[in-house]
Amino acid sequence: MKSKKSSLTAALFAALIGTAFVVTACWQGAPAGGSGIPGGGGLGSGGGNTASSIEGRWKANGGRLVLQLKNGKVTYTGTVGVEVSDSGTYTITGNTITFTGFTNPGVKMLFNREFKYKIEGNILTLLDGATDAPMYQFEKA
């Protein structure tokens, strides 16, 4: 009986994590200025992207999802029903950011990868590294 309860708890926890990521992926909105959207010109120019400008606290989904970036370290916190937190590292090369080291299965699946990124005003947009499609958008907290 205890094994079934543990399995059910794990399944519910995984479902909550999945819900958090679905909400994040759906929360897009148009980036300020829109010049970095594929076809809009400007992504290749960097448009304010620097390793130091990406550092700080970034929030999405009304503050329920938070990325904290500082000195090559990243902490993800998601609060959708249950708080999920994980830490990893990031590296910046040009207009590309690569996250590694996340161990939570949900966070690892969605964030342990390379993204193109752009910063316009107080908006950080992470784009798929292969297709340039916007995937996540965060606001500077």
Protein backbone atom coordinates (compact mmCIF):
# COMPACT_ATOMS: atom_id res chain seq x y z
CA MET A 1 0.00 0.00 0.00
CA LYS A 2 2.81 2.38 0.86
CA SER A 3 4.37 1.79 -2.58
CA LYS A 4 1.12 2.72 -4.35
CA LYS A 5 0.82 5.87 -2.27
CA SER A 6 4.41 6.86 -3.10
CA SER A 7 3.79 6.19 -6.79
CA LEU A 8 0.62 8.27 -6.74
CA THR A 9 2.38 11.11 -4.95
CA ALA A 10 5.23 11.03 -7.49
CA ALA A 11 2.76 10.99 -10.40
CA LEU A 12 0.84 13.97 -8.99
CA PHE A 13 4.07 15.85 -8.40
CA ALA A 14 5.20 15.17 -12.00
CA ALA A 15 1.81 16.35 -13.27
CA LEU A 16 2.18 19.63 -11.36
CA ILE A 17 5.64 20.16 -12.81
CA GLY A 18 4.30 19.46 -16.28
CA THR A 19 1.49 21.95 -15.74
CA ALA A 20 3.99 24.61 -14.72
CA PHE A 21 5.94 24.12 -17.93
CA VAL A 22 2.84 24.13 -20.12
CA VAL A 23 1.74 27.40 -18.54
CA THR A 24 5.21 28.85 -19.10
CA ALA A 25 5.32 27.76 -22.72
CA CYS A 26 1.88 29.27 -23.37
CA TRP A 27 2.71 32.57 -21.67
CA GLN A 28 4.40 34.36 -24.51
CA GLY A 29 3.09 37.83 -25.29
CA ALA A 30 4.87 39.95 -27.88
CA PRO A 31 8.39 40.98 -26.93
CA ALA A 32 8.93 44.71 -26.64
CA GLY A 33 9.65 46.08 -30.10
CA GLY A 34 9.36 42.66 -31.72
CA SER A 35 12.54 43.19 -33.72
CA GLY A 36 14.10 39.92 -32.58
CA ILE A 37 11.30 37.68 -33.83
CA PRO A 38 12.50 35.56 -36.76
CA GLY A 39 12.10 37.57 -39.93
CA GLY A 40 12.01 40.83 -38.00
CA GLY A 41 15.73 41.50 -38.15
CA GLY A 42 17.84 42.30 -35.15
CA LEU A 43 18.35 38.90 -33.50
CA GLY A 44 21.80 38.49 -35.01
CA SER A 45 22.81 41.97 -33.92
CA GLY A 46 22.52 41.08 -30.24
CA GLY A 47 20.25 44.02 -29.44
CA GLY A 48 21.43 44.54 -25.86
CA ASN A 49 22.53 40.98 -25.18
CA THR A 50 25.53 40.84 -22.92
CA ALA A 51 26.60 38.34 -20.31
CA SER A 52 26.14 40.97 -17.60
CA SER A 53 22.72 42.17 -18.83
CA ILE A 54 21.26 38.68 -18.44
CA GLU A 55 22.23 38.42 -14.79
CA GLY A 56 19.49 38.95 -12.25
CA ARG A 57 16.06 37.68 -11.34
CA TRP A 58 13.60 36.97 -14.18
CA LYS A 59 9.91 36.17 -13.59
CA ALA A 60 7.19 34.66 -15.77
CA ASN A 61 3.56 33.67 -15.29
CA GLY A 62 2.82 36.32 -12.69
CA GLY A 63 5.96 35.50 -10.71
CA ARG A 64 5.16 31.80 -10.38
CA LEU A 65 8.23 30.91 -12.43
CA VAL A 66 11.57 32.48 -11.61
CA LEU A 67 15.06 32.18 -13.11
CA GLN A 68 17.87 33.61 -11.00
CA LEU A 69 21.06 34.06 -13.06
CA LYS A 70 24.33 35.12 -11.46
CA ASN A 71 27.99 34.42 -12.17
CA GLY A 72 27.32 31.37 -14.34
CA LYS A 73 24.87 29.80 -11.88
CA VAL A 74 21.12 29.47 -12.46
CA THR A 75 18.31 28.63 -10.07
CA TYR A 76 14.85 27.77 -11.33
CA THR A 77 11.86 28.02 -9.01
CA GLY A 78 8.33 27.15 -10.10
CA THR A 79 5.33 27.56 -7.84
CA VAL A 80 2.22 26.10 -9.43
CA GLY A 81 0.49 24.20 -6.65
CA VAL A 82 3.79 22.88 -5.28
CA GLU A 83 7.15 24.64 -5.29
CA VAL A 84 9.79 23.05 -7.48
CA SER A 85 13.34 24.33 -7.31
CA ASP A 86 16.51 23.23 -9.09
CA SER A 87 19.95 24.66 -9.77
CA GLY A 88 22.41 24.39 -12.59
CA THR A 89 24.89 26.45 -14.55
CA TYR A 90 24.80 28.59 -17.65
CA THR A 91 27.31 29.74 -20.23
CA ILE A 92 26.97 32.58 -22.73
CA THR A 93 28.47 32.52 -26.20
CA GLY A 94 27.40 35.42 -28.40
CA ASN A 95 23.60 35.43 -28.42
CA THR A 96 23.39 31.84 -27.12
CA ILE A 97 22.86 30.68 -23.55
CA THR A 98 23.36 27.05 -22.56
CA PHE A 99 21.86 25.67 -19.36
CA THR A 100 23.31 22.49 -17.83
CA GLY A 101 23.27 20.67 -14.52
CA PHE A 102 19.55 20.65 -13.71
CA THR A 103 18.59 17.34 -12.08
CA ASN A 104 14.81 17.61 -11.56
CA PRO A 105 13.32 15.52 -14.41
CA GLY A 106 10.89 18.22 -15.59
CA VAL A 107 13.34 21.10 -15.35
CA LYS A 108 16.11 18.99 -16.87
CA MET A 109 13.94 17.99 -19.85
CA LEU A 110 12.98 21.57 -20.71
CA PHE A 111 15.99 23.65 -19.68
CA ASN A 112 19.16 21.50 -19.98
CA ARG A 113 19.82 22.77 -23.48
CA GLU A 114 20.97 25.61 -25.66
CA PHE A 115 18.77 28.63 -26.38
CA LYS A 116 19.29 31.75 -28.39
CA TYR A 117 18.37 34.69 -26.22
CA LYS A 118 17.57 38.34 -26.55
CA ILE A 119 16.96 41.10 -24.09
CA GLU A 120 14.78 44.02 -25.07
CA GLY A 121 14.14 46.48 -22.29
CA ASN A 122 13.23 44.38 -19.27
CA ILE A 123 12.14 41.31 -21.29
CA LEU A 124 14.28 38.18 -21.68
CA THR A 125 13.17 35.88 -24.48
CA LEU A 126 14.60 32.38 -24.86
CA LEU A 127 14.33 31.02 -28.40
CA ASP A 128 14.77 27.48 -29.64
CA GLY A 129 18.40 27.18 -30.71
CA ALA A 130 17.52 25.22 -33.86
CA THR A 131 14.36 26.96 -35.13
CA ASP A 132 14.56 30.43 -33.53
CA ALA A 133 10.96 29.99 -32.33
CA PRO A 134 10.24 31.89 -29.08
CA MET A 135 9.90 29.38 -26.23
CA TYR A 136 9.95 31.32 -22.95
CA GLN A 137 9.63 34.96 -22.01
CA PHE A 138 10.59 36.42 -18.64
CA GLU A 139 10.39 39.91 -17.20
CA LYS A 140 13.17 41.40 -15.08
CA ALA A 141 12.08 41.34 -11.45
